[in-house]
């Protein structure tokens, strides 16, 4: 699990809270963590490797070589990870830089969980949480199927629930859906909402199968694979997510 995010989001505080040990230095100064720090951790009878990373800030704010290499190591930590935990500071809300980090995680096809930290410092009414969650999901669209938890690393609120969700997302990455089930469920959906025609010819999807890859990857066999539009690809991805547990996992959809 790579713990990533902008400087001062509370990544080292969270790692210390989970491990129950002041393993990493925590200060108010952004950028205290310079290196990616690997920590072994056990919970719920499972073993994890937690990677605390330097805050990833905008390129034009990276002033010195040391910080540049810290950011490069944080990006390498995303490569190493199965699941990435993006920590957002509740007081700053989700920013453009957070969206870039999400894009990076999505492109590398890693599992993703978003934790809104310092939630204890926010003034709340009955709708605050729902509105905050909706704002995040609207900004990260079209990949909206991501768990969002509201935590306080300092007060150790909901941090074990966070680990449960990280485990679930990791299991979703290796989900295998039998071919007959894919076809039984998705072909009627495709029949109800077929792809737009190409030059007057109907595009017919005849068969679906999951490919044996590390990341959930689905092949849809049809007569004009190159002509299926991006909007229809998104429709199929949404249907896959609706019927199967793929929460927190970027998926691949191919036409053949």
Protein backbone atom coordinates (compact mmCIF):
# COMPACT_ATOMS: atom_id res chain seq x y z
CA UNK A 1 0.00 0.00 0.00
CA UNK A 2 1.49 3.33 -1.08
CA UNK A 3 0.28 6.26 1.02
CA UNK A 4 0.35 9.22 -1.36
CA UNK A 5 -0.89 12.79 -1.49
CA UNK A 6 0.17 16.39 -1.29
CA UNK A 7 2.62 17.66 1.36
CA UNK A 8 1.13 17.98 4.87
CA UNK A 9 -1.94 15.81 4.18
CA UNK A 10 -0.96 13.63 7.18
CA UNK A 11 0.64 10.60 5.51
CA UNK A 12 3.32 10.03 8.17
CA UNK A 13 0.82 10.68 11.00
CA UNK A 14 -1.44 7.98 9.52
CA UNK A 15 1.39 5.47 9.21
CA UNK A 16 2.47 6.12 12.82
CA UNK A 17 -1.17 5.73 13.98
CA UNK A 18 -1.53 2.39 12.18
CA UNK A 19 1.78 1.00 13.39
CA UNK A 20 1.29 2.39 16.92
CA UNK A 21 4.82 3.74 16.90
CA UNK A 22 6.44 7.09 16.11
CA UNK A 23 8.16 5.46 13.14
CA UNK A 24 8.21 8.54 10.89
CA UNK A 25 9.00 12.15 11.74
CA UNK A 26 5.91 14.37 11.79
CA UNK A 27 6.12 18.18 11.78
CA UNK A 28 3.98 21.09 10.61
CA UNK A 29 6.60 21.76 7.92
CA UNK A 30 5.47 20.46 4.53
CA UNK A 31 7.98 18.11 2.94
CA UNK A 32 9.46 16.54 6.11
CA UNK A 33 9.31 13.06 4.54
CA UNK A 34 11.98 12.96 1.83
CA UNK A 35 12.35 9.27 1.13
CA UNK A 36 9.81 6.50 0.58
CA UNK A 37 9.76 4.59 3.87
CA UNK A 38 8.74 0.91 3.83
CA UNK A 39 7.10 -0.48 6.98
CA UNK A 40 5.90 -4.05 7.58
CA UNK A 41 2.50 -4.21 9.24
CA UNK A 42 0.08 -6.93 10.39
CA UNK A 43 -3.68 -6.62 10.87
CA UNK A 44 -6.69 -8.96 10.49
CA UNK A 45 -4.23 -11.86 10.05
CA UNK A 46 -2.73 -10.28 6.93
CA UNK A 47 0.71 -8.85 6.26
CA UNK A 48 1.18 -5.53 4.50
CA UNK A 49 4.04 -3.39 3.32
CA UNK A 50 3.09 0.25 3.90
CA UNK A 51 5.03 2.81 1.88
CA UNK A 52 5.00 6.35 3.26
CA UNK A 53 5.97 8.76 0.48
CA UNK A 54 7.06 12.36 0.09
CA UNK A 55 4.25 14.77 -0.76
CA UNK A 56 3.72 15.10 -4.51
CA UNK A 57 3.39 18.78 -5.30
CA UNK A 58 3.13 20.68 -8.61
CA UNK A 59 6.25 20.65 -10.81
CA UNK A 60 6.69 24.43 -10.66
CA UNK A 61 6.78 24.25 -6.85
CA UNK A 62 9.58 21.66 -6.76
CA UNK A 63 12.54 23.96 -6.16
CA UNK A 64 15.43 21.75 -5.21
CA UNK A 65 17.04 18.56 -6.47
CA UNK A 66 16.41 16.74 -3.19
CA UNK A 67 12.69 17.37 -3.42
CA UNK A 68 12.63 16.45 -7.11
CA UNK A 69 14.10 13.02 -6.28
CA UNK A 70 11.68 12.64 -3.33
CA UNK A 71 8.75 13.11 -5.73
CA UNK A 72 10.29 10.65 -8.21
CA UNK A 73 10.56 8.08 -5.39
CA UNK A 74 6.90 8.69 -4.48
CA UNK A 75 5.93 7.95 -8.10
CA UNK A 76 8.10 4.80 -8.00
CA UNK A 77 6.20 3.77 -4.83
CA UNK A 78 2.95 3.90 -6.85
CA UNK A 79 4.61 1.52 -9.36
CA UNK A 80 5.52 -0.88 -6.53
CA UNK A 81 2.10 -0.84 -4.87
CA UNK A 82 -0.97 -3.02 -5.38
CA UNK A 83 -3.26 -0.39 -3.87
CA UNK A 84 -2.69 3.35 -3.39
CA UNK A 85 -4.21 5.31 -0.56
CA UNK A 86 -4.65 8.95 -1.54
CA UNK A 87 -4.79 11.18 1.51
CA UNK A 88 -6.62 14.50 1.13
CA UNK A 89 -6.54 17.30 3.70
CA UNK A 90 -10.20 18.00 4.61
CA UNK A 91 -9.36 21.66 5.20
CA UNK A 92 -8.03 22.04 1.63
CA UNK A 93 -10.68 19.88 -0.11
CA UNK A 94 -9.72 18.03 -3.33
CA UNK A 95 -7.38 20.09 -5.53
CA UNK A 96 -6.10 19.90 -9.12
CA UNK A 97 -2.89 18.22 -7.91
CA UNK A 98 -4.89 15.45 -6.18
CA UNK A 99 -6.72 14.82 -9.48
CA UNK A 100 -3.34 14.48 -11.25
CA UNK A 101 -2.23 11.91 -8.65
CA UNK A 102 -5.50 9.97 -9.20
CA UNK A 103 -4.90 10.04 -12.99
CA UNK A 104 -1.38 8.66 -12.42
CA UNK A 105 -2.75 5.83 -10.21
CA UNK A 106 -5.49 5.10 -12.76
CA UNK A 107 -3.03 5.02 -15.68
CA UNK A 108 -0.81 2.59 -13.76
CA UNK A 109 -3.94 0.47 -13.08
CA UNK A 110 -3.48 0.38 -9.31
CA UNK A 111 -6.26 -0.01 -6.77
CA UNK A 112 -7.37 3.31 -5.25
CA UNK A 113 -8.89 4.34 -1.93
CA UNK A 114 -9.38 8.01 -1.01
CA UNK A 115 -9.18 9.06 2.65
CA UNK A 116 -10.21 12.56 3.69
CA UNK A 117 -7.97 13.25 6.70
CA UNK A 118 -8.36 15.83 9.54
CA UNK A 119 -12.14 15.33 9.35
CA UNK A 120 -12.32 16.06 13.10
CA UNK A 121 -11.33 19.68 12.36
CA UNK A 122 -14.27 20.37 10.03
CA UNK A 123 -17.49 21.99 11.22
CA UNK A 124 -20.28 19.63 10.19
CA UNK A 125 -24.02 19.44 9.79
CA UNK A 126 -26.11 16.45 8.63
CA UNK A 127 -25.24 16.91 4.93
CA UNK A 128 -21.55 17.88 5.15
CA UNK A 129 -20.20 14.36 4.55
CA UNK A 130 -22.55 13.57 1.63
CA UNK A 131 -21.87 16.92 -0.05
CA UNK A 132 -18.09 16.50 0.38
CA UNK A 133 -18.25 12.96 -1.06
CA UNK A 134 -20.38 14.10 -4.02
CA UNK A 135 -17.95 16.94 -4.77
CA UNK A 136 -15.03 14.47 -4.87
CA UNK A 137 -16.92 11.96 -7.07
CA UNK A 138 -17.96 14.69 -9.52
CA UNK A 139 -14.34 15.84 -9.83
CA UNK A 140 -12.85 12.35 -10.32
CA UNK A 141 -15.46 11.29 -12.96
CA UNK A 142 -15.66 9.11 -15.01
CA UNK A 143 -13.76 6.83 -12.54
CA UNK A 144 -16.27 7.48 -9.72
CA UNK A 145 -16.43 3.94 -8.32
CA UNK A 146 -13.85 4.63 -5.60
CA UNK A 147 -14.25 4.16 -1.82
CA UNK A 148 -14.04 7.47 0.09
CA UNK A 149 -13.52 7.41 3.86
CA UNK A 150 -13.46 10.29 6.32
CA UNK A 151 -10.78 9.82 8.97
CA UNK A 152 -8.60 11.51 11.54
CA UNK A 153 -5.09 10.04 11.64
CA UNK A 154 -4.23 12.12 14.69
CA UNK A 155 -7.28 10.97 16.67
CA UNK A 156 -7.04 7.44 15.15
CA UNK A 157 -10.66 7.67 13.95
CA UNK A 158 -11.77 5.00 11.41
CA UNK A 159 -8.19 4.00 10.56
CA UNK A 160 -8.86 0.25 10.96
CA UNK A 161 -11.98 0.56 8.79
CA UNK A 162 -9.61 2.09 6.22
CA UNK A 163 -7.42 -1.04 6.29
CA UNK A 164 -10.51 -3.25 5.77
CA UNK A 165 -11.43 -1.23 2.67
CA UNK A 166 -7.85 -1.40 1.33
CA UNK A 167 -7.97 -5.22 1.69
CA UNK A 168 -11.31 -5.33 -0.17
CA UNK A 169 -9.99 -3.19 -3.04
CA UNK A 170 -6.93 -5.44 -3.32
CA UNK A 171 -9.26 -8.48 -3.55
CA UNK A 172 -11.35 -6.70 -6.22
CA UNK A 173 -8.19 -6.34 -8.33
CA UNK A 174 -7.89 -10.10 -8.64
CA UNK A 175 -11.58 -10.88 -9.16
CA UNK A 176 -12.29 -13.57 -11.82
CA UNK A 177 -15.75 -13.56 -13.41
CA UNK A 178 -16.80 -16.76 -15.21
CA UNK A 179 -17.43 -16.26 -18.96
CA UNK A 180 -20.98 -17.65 -18.82
CA UNK A 181 -21.87 -15.17 -16.05
CA UNK A 182 -20.45 -12.22 -18.02
CA UNK A 183 -22.46 -13.19 -21.10
CA UNK A 184 -25.67 -14.04 -19.21
CA UNK A 185 -25.68 -10.66 -17.47
CA UNK A 186 -24.18 -8.27 -20.02
CA UNK A 187 -25.58 -9.48 -23.37
CA UNK A 188 -29.20 -8.62 -22.36
CA UNK A 189 -27.95 -5.16 -21.23
CA UNK A 190 -26.26 -4.71 -24.65
CA UNK A 191 -29.43 -5.84 -26.42
CA UNK A 192 -31.43 -3.23 -24.49
CA UNK A 193 -28.89 -0.47 -25.27
CA UNK A 194 -26.93 -1.48 -28.39
CA UNK A 195 -23.88 0.46 -29.63
CA UNK A 196 -24.55 3.24 -32.18
CA UNK A 197 -24.45 1.94 -35.78
CA UNK A 198 -21.44 2.49 -38.06
CA UNK A 199 -22.22 3.76 -41.60
CA UNK A 200 -25.68 2.27 -41.42
CA UNK A 201 -24.40 -1.14 -40.22
CA UNK A 202 -25.28 -2.44 -36.77
CA UNK A 203 -22.38 -3.13 -34.42
CA UNK A 204 -23.12 -6.50 -32.86
CA UNK A 205 -21.34 -7.62 -29.70
CA UNK A 206 -21.56 -11.42 -29.67
CA UNK A 207 -19.38 -12.61 -26.81
CA UNK A 208 -17.54 -11.34 -23.71
CA UNK A 209 -14.69 -12.85 -21.76
CA UNK A 210 -12.27 -11.77 -19.03
CA UNK A 211 -8.61 -11.97 -20.03
CA UNK A 212 -6.03 -13.59 -17.71
CA UNK A 213 -4.25 -10.38 -16.63
CA UNK A 214 -3.25 -8.83 -13.28
CA UNK A 215 -5.85 -6.07 -13.66
CA UNK A 216 -9.51 -6.87 -14.49
CA UNK A 217 -9.55 -6.78 -18.32
CA UNK A 218 -12.53 -7.63 -20.52
CA UNK A 219 -12.69 -8.40 -24.24
CA UNK A 220 -15.91 -7.74 -26.16
CA UNK A 221 -16.00 -9.56 -29.50
CA UNK A 222 -17.88 -7.71 -32.25
CA UNK A 223 -18.03 -7.10 -36.01
CA UNK A 224 -16.56 -3.53 -36.06
CA UNK A 225 -14.20 -3.34 -33.04
CA UNK A 226 -12.47 -0.09 -34.14
CA UNK A 227 -15.80 1.74 -34.51
CA UNK A 228 -17.09 1.40 -30.96
CA UNK A 229 -17.22 4.91 -29.47
CA UNK A 230 -15.61 5.96 -26.18
CA UNK A 231 -19.03 6.84 -24.72
CA UNK A 232 -20.19 3.23 -25.31
CA UNK A 233 -16.98 1.89 -23.75
CA UNK A 234 -17.84 3.97 -20.65
CA UNK A 235 -21.39 2.58 -20.72
CA UNK A 236 -20.04 -1.01 -20.71
CA UNK A 237 -17.57 -0.20 -17.93
CA UNK A 238 -20.43 1.22 -15.83
CA UNK A 239 -22.48 -1.95 -16.44
CA UNK A 240 -19.52 -4.12 -15.37
CA UNK A 241 -19.23 -2.06 -12.18
CA UNK A 242 -22.99 -2.19 -11.58
CA UNK A 243 -23.11 -6.01 -11.69
CA UNK A 244 -19.71 -7.03 -10.31
CA UNK A 245 -17.63 -5.82 -7.36
CA UNK A 246 -14.89 -3.78 -9.02
CA UNK A 247 -14.93 -0.83 -6.62
CA UNK A 248 -11.63 1.05 -6.40
CA UNK A 249 -10.13 -0.76 -9.40
CA UNK A 250 -9.40 0.76 -12.82
CA UNK A 251 -10.43 -1.79 -15.48
CA UNK A 252 -9.56 -2.36 -19.14
CA UNK A 253 -12.19 -2.84 -21.84
CA UNK A 254 -11.07 -4.03 -25.31
CA UNK A 255 -13.01 -4.69 -28.50
CA UNK A 256 -11.89 -7.51 -30.78
